[in-house]
């Protein structure tokens, strides 16, 4: 992308000449404003100026501004804008990308309660959650060691026809491992590999460390050897971690 000042000056010059605009041009202008950290100005254009420019906001227009708020750790502002759009969007309502953006932003700022509430609002608005939605929620709950809640979300995910991917399994396995629930972690790991999905280095490290902490060195060695035998790249970080627990 060109420097923000160049984007802004070019777009302003275009508008000053009275040339006809469209959503693509105005959305580019919104991107430039957000890139230049002028998100408040972008909100003003979004809510009050687009009609003057001869076009109306679309879902992409709103998502540009919502993402900017979240990128700059202003997820509360994004939440307020999202809820306003949902209430009086004028025919343009938030899509799954908008909800995912704000939910993720709230989780990143530690606002777990608000993020979960927004998820429920999303469902009530008949916006179908995507795999990305579920991963954001499951990841945050697992990091908070709220595994029972994470299990409910995973169950809901499967019930709604969304298939867990590598990231989903990794979040759950890491959560179980760090919580000392090796039985559940092992079950999910087998299910994951049975579907042809490969656990990442973080998941392998977490699972191995938990086995070693519980003194289950034989199982740890078997897991390590099985991963390497299958050709999985365990990574250089896994070996010293494994050795540090004296599992051989």
Protein backbone atom coordinates (compact mmCIF):
# COMPACT_ATOMS: atom_id res chain seq x y z
CA UNK A 1 0.00 0.00 0.00
CA UNK A 2 1.16 3.53 -0.76
CA UNK A 3 2.04 5.82 2.16
CA UNK A 4 -1.14 6.98 3.96
CA UNK A 5 -0.55 10.64 3.16
CA UNK A 6 -0.32 9.80 -0.53
CA UNK A 7 -3.53 7.76 -0.45
CA UNK A 8 -5.35 10.52 1.40
CA UNK A 9 -4.12 13.36 -0.80
CA UNK A 10 -4.98 11.47 -3.98
CA UNK A 11 -8.47 10.62 -2.78
CA UNK A 12 -9.16 14.11 -1.44
CA UNK A 13 -8.04 15.61 -4.77
CA UNK A 14 -10.35 13.20 -6.57
CA UNK A 15 -13.29 14.23 -4.40
CA UNK A 16 -12.55 17.95 -4.66
CA UNK A 17 -12.76 17.74 -8.44
CA UNK A 18 -16.32 16.51 -8.04
CA UNK A 19 -15.67 13.29 -9.89
CA UNK A 20 -18.18 10.52 -9.48
CA UNK A 21 -17.45 8.15 -6.62
CA UNK A 22 -18.45 4.59 -5.84
CA UNK A 23 -18.10 2.18 -2.95
CA UNK A 24 -14.68 0.99 -4.10
CA UNK A 25 -13.27 4.53 -4.08
CA UNK A 26 -14.79 5.44 -0.72
CA UNK A 27 -13.72 2.13 0.84
CA UNK A 28 -10.18 2.85 -0.34
CA UNK A 29 -10.45 6.25 1.33
CA UNK A 30 -11.61 4.58 4.56
CA UNK A 31 -8.64 2.20 4.39
CA UNK A 32 -6.26 5.12 3.96
CA UNK A 33 -7.74 6.97 6.94
CA UNK A 34 -7.48 3.87 9.14
CA UNK A 35 -3.96 3.15 7.93
CA UNK A 36 -3.06 6.71 8.90
CA UNK A 37 -4.51 6.07 12.39
CA UNK A 38 -7.41 8.45 11.75
CA UNK A 39 -10.13 5.95 12.57
CA UNK A 40 -12.41 8.60 14.11
CA UNK A 41 -12.33 10.47 10.81
CA UNK A 42 -13.14 7.22 9.02
CA UNK A 43 -16.18 6.74 11.28
CA UNK A 44 -17.38 10.24 10.41
CA UNK A 45 -17.07 9.49 6.70
CA UNK A 46 -18.75 6.12 7.18
CA UNK A 47 -21.74 7.40 9.12
CA UNK A 48 -22.25 10.93 7.81
CA UNK A 49 -20.41 11.60 4.56
CA UNK A 50 -20.93 8.60 2.31
CA UNK A 51 -24.41 9.70 1.26
CA UNK A 52 -22.94 13.08 0.28
CA UNK A 53 -20.39 11.24 -1.83
CA UNK A 54 -23.13 9.46 -3.70
CA UNK A 55 -22.95 5.98 -2.22
CA UNK A 56 -23.98 3.99 0.82
CA UNK A 57 -21.82 1.87 3.14
CA UNK A 58 -21.65 -1.85 2.53
CA UNK A 59 -20.49 -4.63 4.85
CA UNK A 60 -16.91 -4.18 3.67
CA UNK A 61 -17.03 -0.47 4.59
CA UNK A 62 -18.03 -1.25 8.15
CA UNK A 63 -15.51 -4.07 8.45
CA UNK A 64 -12.64 -1.76 7.51
CA UNK A 65 -13.42 0.55 10.43
CA UNK A 66 -14.21 -2.26 12.89
CA UNK A 67 -10.87 -3.92 12.17
CA UNK A 68 -9.05 -0.61 12.62
CA UNK A 69 -10.57 -0.09 16.06
CA UNK A 70 -9.58 -3.62 17.09
CA UNK A 71 -6.07 -3.30 15.63
CA UNK A 72 -5.51 -0.23 17.81
CA UNK A 73 -6.89 -1.91 20.96
CA UNK A 74 -10.17 -0.01 20.89
CA UNK A 75 -12.47 -3.01 20.79
CA UNK A 76 -15.06 -1.30 22.99
CA UNK A 77 -15.47 1.35 20.27
CA UNK A 78 -15.76 -1.43 17.70
CA UNK A 79 -18.40 -3.15 19.83
CA UNK A 80 -20.45 0.04 20.11
CA UNK A 81 -20.27 0.63 16.36
CA UNK A 82 -21.18 -2.98 15.60
CA UNK A 83 -24.21 -2.89 17.89
CA UNK A 84 -25.32 0.40 16.36
CA UNK A 85 -25.07 -1.09 12.86
CA UNK A 86 -27.05 -4.15 13.95
CA UNK A 87 -29.77 -1.92 15.38
CA UNK A 88 -30.03 0.74 12.67
CA UNK A 89 -27.88 -0.39 9.78
CA UNK A 90 -30.23 0.99 7.16
CA UNK A 91 -30.38 -2.26 5.22
CA UNK A 92 -26.73 -3.20 5.75
CA UNK A 93 -26.27 -5.49 8.70
CA UNK A 94 -23.05 -6.89 10.22
CA UNK A 95 -21.83 -10.10 8.63
CA UNK A 96 -19.85 -12.96 10.14
CA UNK A 97 -16.56 -11.19 9.38
CA UNK A 98 -17.66 -8.16 11.41
CA UNK A 99 -18.62 -10.28 14.40
CA UNK A 100 -15.45 -12.37 14.17
CA UNK A 101 -13.31 -9.24 14.08
CA UNK A 102 -14.85 -7.71 17.19
CA UNK A 103 -15.08 -10.99 19.12
CA UNK A 104 -11.38 -11.62 18.49
CA UNK A 105 -10.52 -8.03 19.43
CA UNK A 106 -12.40 -8.29 22.72
CA UNK A 107 -10.68 -11.55 23.58
CA UNK A 108 -7.29 -10.02 22.79
CA UNK A 109 -8.02 -7.25 25.29
CA UNK A 110 -9.15 -9.70 27.98
CA UNK A 111 -12.85 -8.86 27.65
CA UNK A 112 -13.97 -12.49 27.73
CA UNK A 113 -17.46 -11.76 29.07
CA UNK A 114 -18.19 -9.14 26.43
CA UNK A 115 -16.85 -11.41 23.69
CA UNK A 116 -19.08 -14.29 24.77
CA UNK A 117 -22.09 -11.98 25.03
CA UNK A 118 -21.42 -10.74 21.51
CA UNK A 119 -21.29 -14.33 20.31
CA UNK A 120 -24.78 -14.89 21.73
CA UNK A 121 -25.97 -11.64 20.09
CA UNK A 122 -24.53 -12.88 16.81
CA UNK A 123 -26.55 -16.10 17.00
CA UNK A 124 -29.69 -14.17 17.95
CA UNK A 125 -29.20 -11.99 14.85
CA UNK A 126 -29.23 -15.20 12.75
CA UNK A 127 -25.61 -14.74 11.70
CA UNK A 128 -24.15 -18.24 11.42
CA UNK A 129 -20.81 -18.59 13.24
CA UNK A 130 -17.89 -19.78 11.13
CA UNK A 131 -14.97 -22.01 12.10
CA UNK A 132 -13.03 -18.79 12.79
CA UNK A 133 -15.69 -17.72 15.30
CA UNK A 134 -15.51 -20.99 17.18
CA UNK A 135 -11.71 -21.05 17.19
CA UNK A 136 -11.54 -17.55 18.74
CA UNK A 137 -13.89 -18.58 21.54
CA UNK A 138 -12.37 -22.01 22.15
CA UNK A 139 -8.84 -20.60 22.19
CA UNK A 140 -9.73 -17.93 24.75
CA UNK A 141 -11.62 -20.36 26.99
CA UNK A 142 -8.80 -22.92 26.86
CA UNK A 143 -6.22 -20.29 27.77
CA UNK A 144 -8.44 -19.38 30.73
CA UNK A 145 -8.61 -23.11 31.58
CA UNK A 146 -12.39 -22.98 31.32
CA UNK A 147 -12.41 -26.38 29.65
CA UNK A 148 -16.04 -27.24 30.41
CA UNK A 149 -17.17 -24.12 28.56
CA UNK A 150 -14.75 -24.84 25.73
CA UNK A 151 -16.22 -28.35 25.45
CA UNK A 152 -19.72 -26.89 25.13
CA UNK A 153 -18.60 -24.55 22.35
CA UNK A 154 -16.85 -27.44 20.57
CA UNK A 155 -20.01 -29.53 20.86
CA UNK A 156 -22.08 -26.65 19.48
CA UNK A 157 -19.58 -26.24 16.65
CA UNK A 158 -19.93 -29.88 15.58
CA UNK A 159 -23.71 -29.83 16.05
CA UNK A 160 -23.93 -26.86 13.68
CA UNK A 161 -22.05 -28.74 11.00
CA UNK A 162 -18.67 -27.02 11.34
CA UNK A 163 -15.74 -29.45 11.34
CA UNK A 164 -12.89 -28.88 13.83
CA UNK A 165 -9.62 -28.13 12.08
CA UNK A 166 -6.00 -28.34 13.22
CA UNK A 167 -6.25 -25.07 15.15
CA UNK A 168 -9.40 -26.19 16.97
CA UNK A 169 -7.86 -29.48 18.06
CA UNK A 170 -4.62 -27.76 19.06
CA UNK A 171 -6.43 -25.29 21.30
CA UNK A 172 -8.36 -28.06 23.06
CA UNK A 173 -5.35 -30.37 23.44
CA UNK A 174 -3.23 -27.53 24.83
CA UNK A 175 -6.02 -26.62 27.24
CA UNK A 176 -6.42 -30.18 28.48
CA UNK A 177 -2.65 -30.69 28.73
CA UNK A 178 -1.99 -27.56 30.77
CA UNK A 179 -4.94 -28.44 33.00
CA UNK A 180 -3.50 -31.90 33.68
CA UNK A 181 -6.37 -33.67 31.92
CA UNK A 182 -4.25 -36.10 29.92
CA UNK A 183 -7.06 -38.58 29.29
CA UNK A 184 -9.08 -36.01 27.37
CA UNK A 185 -5.97 -34.64 25.65
CA UNK A 186 -4.95 -38.13 24.50
CA UNK A 187 -8.44 -38.88 23.19
CA UNK A 188 -8.53 -35.69 21.13
CA UNK A 189 -4.99 -36.21 19.88
CA UNK A 190 -5.92 -39.66 18.58
CA UNK A 191 -9.06 -38.27 16.99
CA UNK A 192 -7.04 -35.47 15.40
CA UNK A 193 -4.34 -37.71 13.91
CA UNK A 194 -7.01 -40.22 12.89
CA UNK A 195 -8.48 -37.53 10.67
CA UNK A 196 -5.11 -36.93 9.08
CA UNK A 197 -4.47 -33.66 10.91
CA UNK A 198 -0.97 -33.00 12.21
CA UNK A 199 -0.47 -31.38 15.65
CA UNK A 200 1.79 -28.35 15.60
CA UNK A 201 4.97 -27.87 17.63
CA UNK A 202 3.14 -26.04 20.45
CA UNK A 203 0.66 -28.88 20.85
CA UNK A 204 3.41 -31.52 20.84
CA UNK A 205 5.43 -29.58 23.42
CA UNK A 206 2.42 -29.09 25.68
CA UNK A 207 1.36 -32.73 25.49
CA UNK A 208 4.89 -34.06 26.08
CA UNK A 209 5.52 -31.72 28.99
CA UNK A 210 2.31 -32.84 30.69
CA UNK A 211 3.19 -36.51 30.26
CA UNK A 212 6.63 -35.93 31.74
CA UNK A 213 5.30 -33.93 34.68
CA UNK A 214 3.05 -36.85 35.55
CA UNK A 215 5.98 -39.27 35.33
CA UNK A 216 4.60 -41.03 32.26
CA UNK A 217 7.99 -41.12 30.55
CA UNK A 218 7.31 -44.29 28.55
CA UNK A 219 4.22 -42.78 26.94
CA UNK A 220 6.13 -39.56 26.26
CA UNK A 221 8.91 -41.49 24.53
CA UNK A 222 6.41 -43.48 22.47
CA UNK A 223 4.59 -40.31 21.42
CA UNK A 224 7.84 -38.59 20.47
CA UNK A 225 9.00 -41.58 18.45
CA UNK A 226 5.62 -42.02 16.75
CA UNK A 227 5.60 -38.41 15.61
CA UNK A 228 9.08 -38.64 14.12
CA UNK A 229 8.39 -42.10 12.61
CA UNK A 230 5.38 -40.71 10.77
CA UNK A 231 7.57 -38.04 9.26
CA UNK A 232 6.10 -35.21 11.31
CA UNK A 233 8.53 -32.36 11.75
CA UNK A 234 8.59 -31.98 15.50
CA UNK A 235 10.98 -29.04 15.33
CA UNK A 236 14.18 -28.19 17.18
CA UNK A 237 12.31 -26.79 20.19
CA UNK A 238 10.70 -30.12 20.97
CA UNK A 239 13.89 -32.12 21.57
CA UNK A 240 15.44 -29.97 24.34
CA UNK A 241 12.03 -29.65 25.98
CA UNK A 242 11.67 -33.42 25.91
CA UNK A 243 15.18 -34.00 27.25
CA UNK A 244 14.81 -31.40 29.99
CA UNK A 245 12.20 -33.56 31.70
CA UNK A 246 14.59 -36.57 31.68
CA UNK A 247 12.08 -38.75 29.93
CA UNK A 248 14.54 -41.20 28.43
